[in-house]
Each structure stands twice: as C-alpha cells, then as structure tokens.
C-alpha cells in the first residue's frame, strides 16, 4: 500500500510539472501515466486502480490546469489499466483491435466533447477527421509499443530487484 501511495504521489508531482512546462504538456502527462502501470506490476490491478484514482482526484483538487488532470484521467492514467486487462486475453490481433477501439473512442471524446480544451490548436475540419484517426492510431501503436518496452524495463530493473530485496529481509 505504501509503494502505491508513493507512486501516486510521484505521479501527482509529475502532473504538477506538466502545468509548469511551456510545451510538451501531453508528453509530461504521459510520463505521469506510466506510474499506474508500475503499481499494477508491483501490487496488482487493485494497486493500479488506487494509484490512478488517488492521483486523478488529487490532480483535480490541486493542479492549476484542470485540463492536464482530465487528460490523465481519460487517457494516460487509465490506459495502463486498460492495457493490463486487454493483454490478459493473449491473442494479439484481438488485443490490437481492442486497444485501437479504446484509443479511437477516447479520441472521439476529445474531439467531439473536449475539443476546445485539448485539440483547439489542430486546424482540422470535419472532412479531415479520417486523417486524424488514421494518424492518431499510428502514433498510438508506437506509443503502445514503447510503453510495452518500458514495462519490460521496469520489470527487469526495478520490480525484480525490489522483490528480491524484500524476500531477502
């Protein structure tokens, strides 16, 4: 439980940092979204949910930019839990379809509901939407691949040594 709280606190600090950087807000929020994945790996899905929920609630209360909190809650913080659930299926084509469905569903929410907050800088008309979805899906697949590599790194370099250190005491 303490490790999950530590991960949530670190995620909140990174989210606060996303309010201070002049550019790259989504990248910093994405970095904060890696920590619920660490909670899932180290403590199980319930720890991941606690890390995600705790960070999201505190972000809405404490961050000066509520848009960053919303971006975390709707995508970057939620995705590690979705990824964990989908990858338990162990059928790659179905996993890819479900991940893309999640991404495109969230992109639809951002475009049709929250466009003025997140996508106002994108000069697209509704005729260009297929291009947004196609390009977004390609970028998302690269993000998911990189995320998987970071998870493998975390398991090998952080989680495994932590577990070995705990069992030695």
C-alpha atoms as a PDB file:
ATOM      1  CA  UNK A   1       0.000   0.000   0.000  1.00  0.00           C
ATOM      2  CA  UNK A   2       2.834   2.414   0.835  1.00  0.00           C
ATOM      3  CA  UNK A   3       4.518   1.765  -2.528  1.00  0.00           C
ATOM      4  CA  UNK A   4       1.249   2.500  -4.326  1.00  0.00           C
ATOM      5  CA  UNK A   5       0.881   5.767  -2.386  1.00  0.00           C
ATOM      6  CA  UNK A   6       4.468   6.677  -3.259  1.00  0.00           C
ATOM      7  CA  UNK A   7       3.788   6.026  -6.948  1.00  0.00           C
ATOM      8  CA  UNK A   8       0.607   8.124  -6.780  1.00  0.00           C
ATOM      9  CA  UNK A   9       2.491  10.982  -5.105  1.00  0.00           C
ATOM     10  CA  UNK A  10       5.234  10.832  -7.725  1.00  0.00           C
ATOM     11  CA  UNK A  11       2.624  10.772 -10.478  1.00  0.00           C
ATOM     12  CA  UNK A  12       0.988  13.854  -8.951  1.00  0.00           C
ATOM     13  CA  UNK A  13       4.343  15.679  -8.791  1.00  0.00           C
ATOM     14  CA  UNK A  14       4.933  14.910 -12.480  1.00  0.00           C
ATOM     15  CA  UNK A  15       1.409  16.097 -13.308  1.00  0.00           C
ATOM     16  CA  UNK A  16       2.078  19.319 -11.441  1.00  0.00           C
ATOM     17  CA  UNK A  17       5.247  19.679 -13.500  1.00  0.00           C
ATOM     18  CA  UNK A  18       3.121  19.373 -16.639  1.00  0.00           C
ATOM     19  CA  UNK A  19       1.444  22.640 -15.632  1.00  0.00           C
ATOM     20  CA  UNK A  20       4.809  24.403 -15.488  1.00  0.00           C
ATOM     21  CA  UNK A  21       6.367  23.357 -18.794  1.00  0.00           C
ATOM     22  CA  UNK A  22       5.745  25.701 -21.729  1.00  0.00           C
ATOM     23  CA  UNK A  23       5.489  22.897 -24.314  1.00  0.00           C
ATOM     24  CA  UNK A  24       5.146  19.130 -24.298  1.00  0.00           C
ATOM     25  CA  UNK A  25       2.242  19.034 -21.860  1.00  0.00           C
ATOM     26  CA  UNK A  26       0.877  15.760 -23.231  1.00  0.00           C
ATOM     27  CA  UNK A  27       4.314  14.137 -23.011  1.00  0.00           C
ATOM     28  CA  UNK A  28       4.703  15.056 -19.353  1.00  0.00           C
ATOM     29  CA  UNK A  29       1.165  13.886 -18.576  1.00  0.00           C
ATOM     30  CA  UNK A  30       2.034  10.656 -20.416  1.00  0.00           C
ATOM     31  CA  UNK A  31       5.078  10.251 -18.182  1.00  0.00           C
ATOM     32  CA  UNK A  32       2.817  10.537 -15.127  1.00  0.00           C
ATOM     33  CA  UNK A  33       0.649   7.818 -16.668  1.00  0.00           C
ATOM     34  CA  UNK A  34       3.498   5.316 -16.501  1.00  0.00           C
ATOM     35  CA  UNK A  35       3.281   5.100 -12.720  1.00  0.00           C
ATOM     36  CA  UNK A  36      -0.114   3.353 -12.530  1.00  0.00           C
ATOM     37  CA  UNK A  37       1.468   0.665 -14.719  1.00  0.00           C
ATOM     38  CA  UNK A  38       4.226   0.278 -12.131  1.00  0.00           C
ATOM     39  CA  UNK A  39       1.545  -0.056  -9.447  1.00  0.00           C
ATOM     40  CA  UNK A  40      -0.233  -2.769 -11.466  1.00  0.00           C
ATOM     41  CA  UNK A  41       3.019  -4.696 -11.949  1.00  0.00           C
ATOM     42  CA  UNK A  42       4.212  -4.422  -8.364  1.00  0.00           C
ATOM     43  CA  UNK A  43       0.925  -4.661  -6.491  1.00  0.00           C
ATOM     44  CA  UNK A  44      -1.699  -5.982  -8.892  1.00  0.00           C
ATOM     45  CA  UNK A  45      -4.645  -4.352 -10.624  1.00  0.00           C
ATOM     46  CA  UNK A  46      -6.194  -3.062  -7.389  1.00  0.00           C
ATOM     47  CA  UNK A  47      -2.986  -1.133  -6.639  1.00  0.00           C
ATOM     48  CA  UNK A  48      -3.089   0.288 -10.158  1.00  0.00           C
ATOM     49  CA  UNK A  49      -6.674   1.444  -9.651  1.00  0.00           C
ATOM     50  CA  UNK A  50      -5.758   3.058  -6.317  1.00  0.00           C
ATOM     51  CA  UNK A  51      -2.758   4.827  -7.848  1.00  0.00           C
ATOM     52  CA  UNK A  52      -4.832   6.043 -10.802  1.00  0.00           C
ATOM     53  CA  UNK A  53      -7.831   7.140  -8.738  1.00  0.00           C
ATOM     54  CA  UNK A  54      -5.806   8.780  -5.987  1.00  0.00           C
ATOM     55  CA  UNK A  55      -3.685  10.698  -8.459  1.00  0.00           C
ATOM     56  CA  UNK A  56      -6.704  11.712 -10.531  1.00  0.00           C
ATOM     57  CA  UNK A  57      -8.707  13.005  -7.562  1.00  0.00           C
ATOM     58  CA  UNK A  58      -5.772  14.913  -6.102  1.00  0.00           C
ATOM     59  CA  UNK A  59      -4.895  16.299  -9.539  1.00  0.00           C
ATOM     60  CA  UNK A  60      -8.375  17.783  -9.897  1.00  0.00           C
ATOM     61  CA  UNK A  61      -8.108  19.305  -6.438  1.00  0.00           C
ATOM     62  CA  UNK A  62      -4.530  20.608  -6.631  1.00  0.00           C
ATOM     63  CA  UNK A  63      -3.467  21.256 -10.220  1.00  0.00           C
ATOM     64  CA  UNK A  64      -3.875  24.756 -11.591  1.00  0.00           C
ATOM     65  CA  UNK A  65      -4.560  23.325 -15.080  1.00  0.00           C
ATOM     66  CA  UNK A  66      -7.569  21.007 -14.832  1.00  0.00           C
ATOM     67  CA  UNK A  67      -7.081  20.044 -18.483  1.00  0.00           C
ATOM     68  CA  UNK A  68      -3.950  18.108 -17.543  1.00  0.00           C
ATOM     69  CA  UNK A  69      -5.893  16.267 -14.836  1.00  0.00           C
ATOM     70  CA  UNK A  70      -8.595  15.439 -17.376  1.00  0.00           C
ATOM     71  CA  UNK A  71      -6.037  14.210 -19.900  1.00  0.00           C
ATOM     72  CA  UNK A  72      -4.579  11.953 -17.202  1.00  0.00           C
ATOM     73  CA  UNK A  73      -7.977  10.652 -16.082  1.00  0.00           C
ATOM     74  CA  UNK A  74      -9.368   9.977 -19.543  1.00  0.00           C
ATOM     75  CA  UNK A  75      -6.318   8.548 -21.220  1.00  0.00           C
ATOM     76  CA  UNK A  76      -2.774   8.437 -19.829  1.00  0.00           C
ATOM     77  CA  UNK A  77      -3.649   7.300 -16.311  1.00  0.00           C
ATOM     78  CA  UNK A  78      -6.422   4.983 -17.427  1.00  0.00           C
ATOM     79  CA  UNK A  79      -4.540   3.306 -20.268  1.00  0.00           C
ATOM     80  CA  UNK A  80      -2.223   1.169 -18.074  1.00  0.00           C
ATOM     81  CA  UNK A  81      -5.313  -0.442 -16.516  1.00  0.00           C
ATOM     82  CA  UNK A  82      -6.937  -0.939 -19.914  1.00  0.00           C
ATOM     83  CA  UNK A  83      -3.686  -2.329 -21.342  1.00  0.00           C
ATOM     84  CA  UNK A  84      -3.363  -4.782 -18.447  1.00  0.00           C
ATOM     85  CA  UNK A  85      -6.938  -6.012 -18.933  1.00  0.00           C
ATOM     86  CA  UNK A  86      -6.645  -6.345 -22.699  1.00  0.00           C
ATOM     87  CA  UNK A  87      -3.253  -8.065 -22.675  1.00  0.00           C
ATOM     88  CA  UNK A  88      -4.578 -10.802 -20.407  1.00  0.00           C
ATOM     89  CA  UNK A  89      -6.506 -12.091 -23.458  1.00  0.00           C
ATOM     90  CA  UNK A  90      -3.207 -13.266 -25.026  1.00  0.00           C
ATOM     91  CA  UNK A  91      -4.491 -13.071 -28.620  1.00  0.00           C
ATOM     92  CA  UNK A  92      -2.509 -10.343 -30.367  1.00  0.00           C
ATOM     93  CA  UNK A  93      -4.933  -9.492 -33.212  1.00  0.00           C
ATOM     94  CA  UNK A  94      -7.837  -9.127 -30.779  1.00  0.00           C
ATOM     95  CA  UNK A  95      -5.659  -7.163 -28.358  1.00  0.00           C
ATOM     96  CA  UNK A  96      -4.703  -4.701 -31.106  1.00  0.00           C
ATOM     97  CA  UNK A  97      -8.327  -4.261 -32.159  1.00  0.00           C
ATOM     98  CA  UNK A  98      -9.431  -3.608 -28.571  1.00  0.00           C
ATOM     99  CA  UNK A  99      -6.566  -1.189 -27.886  1.00  0.00           C
ATOM    100  CA  UNK A 100      -7.336   0.728 -31.077  1.00  0.00           C
ATOM    101  CA  UNK A 101     -11.036   0.767 -30.162  1.00  0.00           C
ATOM    102  CA  UNK A 102     -10.139   2.272 -26.777  1.00  0.00           C
ATOM    103  CA  UNK A 103      -7.844   4.860 -28.336  1.00  0.00           C
ATOM    104  CA  UNK A 104     -10.293   5.857 -31.055  1.00  0.00           C
ATOM    105  CA  UNK A 105     -13.115   6.022 -28.513  1.00  0.00           C
ATOM    106  CA  UNK A 106     -11.066   8.388 -26.349  1.00  0.00           C
ATOM    107  CA  UNK A 107     -10.036  10.398 -29.416  1.00  0.00           C
ATOM    108  CA  UNK A 108     -13.734  10.761 -30.228  1.00  0.00           C
ATOM    109  CA  UNK A 109     -14.420  12.036 -26.722  1.00  0.00           C
ATOM    110  CA  UNK A 110     -11.561  14.514 -27.031  1.00  0.00           C
ATOM    111  CA  UNK A 111     -12.658  15.657 -30.498  1.00  0.00           C
ATOM    112  CA  UNK A 112     -16.423  15.860 -30.074  1.00  0.00           C
ATOM    113  CA  UNK A 113     -16.709  16.755 -26.384  1.00  0.00           C
ATOM    114  CA  UNK A 114     -13.437  18.331 -25.244  1.00  0.00           C
ATOM    115  CA  UNK A 115     -12.059  19.848 -28.459  1.00  0.00           C
ATOM    116  CA  UNK A 116     -11.829  23.388 -27.097  1.00  0.00           C
ATOM    117  CA  UNK A 117      -9.619  22.214 -24.207  1.00  0.00           C
ATOM    118  CA  UNK A 118      -7.271  19.794 -25.968  1.00  0.00           C
ATOM    119  CA  UNK A 119      -7.448  19.981 -29.723  1.00  0.00           C
ATOM    120  CA  UNK A 120      -8.045  23.680 -30.411  1.00  0.00           C
ATOM    121  CA  UNK A 121      -4.551  24.064 -31.864  1.00  0.00           C
ATOM    122  CA  UNK A 122      -5.209  21.395 -34.504  1.00  0.00           C
ATOM    123  CA  UNK A 123      -6.521  23.138 -37.627  1.00  0.00           C
ATOM    124  CA  UNK A 124      -8.754  20.316 -38.846  1.00  0.00           C
ATOM    125  CA  UNK A 125     -12.182  20.393 -40.346  1.00  0.00           C
ATOM    126  CA  UNK A 126     -14.609  17.515 -40.033  1.00  0.00           C
ATOM    127  CA  UNK A 127     -13.575  16.454 -43.559  1.00  0.00           C
ATOM    128  CA  UNK A 128     -10.055  15.834 -42.227  1.00  0.00           C
ATOM    129  CA  UNK A 129     -11.211  13.596 -39.370  1.00  0.00           C
ATOM    130  CA  UNK A 130     -10.293  10.323 -41.104  1.00  0.00           C
ATOM    131  CA  UNK A 131      -6.727  11.610 -41.347  1.00  0.00           C
ATOM    132  CA  UNK A 132      -6.737  12.493 -37.630  1.00  0.00           C
ATOM    133  CA  UNK A 133      -7.951   8.997 -36.695  1.00  0.00           C
ATOM    134  CA  UNK A 134      -5.520   7.250 -39.045  1.00  0.00           C
ATOM    135  CA  UNK A 135      -2.512   9.302 -37.970  1.00  0.00           C
ATOM    136  CA  UNK A 136      -3.553   9.157 -34.319  1.00  0.00           C
ATOM    137  CA  UNK A 137      -3.884   5.370 -34.474  1.00  0.00           C
ATOM    138  CA  UNK A 138      -0.398   5.039 -35.954  1.00  0.00           C
ATOM    139  CA  UNK A 139       1.088   7.244 -33.228  1.00  0.00           C
ATOM    140  CA  UNK A 140      -0.870   5.342 -30.581  1.00  0.00           C
ATOM    141  CA  UNK A 141       0.504   1.991 -31.784  1.00  0.00           C
ATOM    142  CA  UNK A 142       4.033   3.388 -31.493  1.00  0.00           C
ATOM    143  CA  UNK A 143       3.185   4.673 -28.009  1.00  0.00           C
ATOM    144  CA  UNK A 144       1.838   1.250 -27.011  1.00  0.00           C
ATOM    145  CA  UNK A 145       4.957  -0.488 -28.335  1.00  0.00           C
ATOM    146  CA  UNK A 146       7.220   1.903 -26.432  1.00  0.00           C
ATOM    147  CA  UNK A 147       5.054   1.538 -23.335  1.00  0.00           C
ATOM    148  CA  UNK A 148       5.479  -2.245 -23.510  1.00  0.00           C
ATOM    149  CA  UNK A 149       9.259  -1.814 -23.729  1.00  0.00           C
ATOM    150  CA  UNK A 150       9.216   0.497 -20.680  1.00  0.00           C
ATOM    151  CA  UNK A 151       7.139  -2.048 -18.764  1.00  0.00           C
ATOM    152  CA  UNK A 152       9.657  -4.787 -19.619  1.00  0.00           C
ATOM    153  CA  UNK A 153      12.475  -2.494 -18.449  1.00  0.00           C
ATOM    154  CA  UNK A 154      10.606  -1.735 -15.199  1.00  0.00           C
ATOM    155  CA  UNK A 155      10.029  -5.435 -14.523  1.00  0.00           C
ATOM    156  CA  UNK A 156      13.675  -6.344 -15.132  1.00  0.00           C
ATOM    157  CA  UNK A 157      15.399  -3.373 -13.499  1.00  0.00           C
ATOM    158  CA  UNK A 158      13.045  -2.199 -10.748  1.00  0.00           C
ATOM    159  CA  UNK A 159      10.352  -4.690  -9.814  1.00  0.00           C
ATOM    160  CA  UNK A 160      12.521  -7.814  -9.857  1.00  0.00           C
ATOM    161  CA  UNK A 161      15.275  -6.288  -7.669  1.00  0.00           C
ATOM    162  CA  UNK A 162      12.630  -4.899  -5.289  1.00  0.00           C
ATOM    163  CA  UNK A 163      11.033  -8.301  -4.927  1.00  0.00           C
ATOM    164  CA  UNK A 164      14.409  -9.993  -4.427  1.00  0.00           C
ATOM    165  CA  UNK A 165      15.318  -7.394  -1.815  1.00  0.00           C
ATOM    166  CA  UNK A 166      12.042  -7.933   0.032  1.00  0.00           C
ATOM    167  CA  UNK A 167      12.430 -11.697   0.147  1.00  0.00           C
ATOM    168  CA  UNK A 168      15.994 -11.407   1.490  1.00  0.00           C
ATOM    169  CA  UNK A 169      14.824  -9.454   4.556  1.00  0.00           C
END
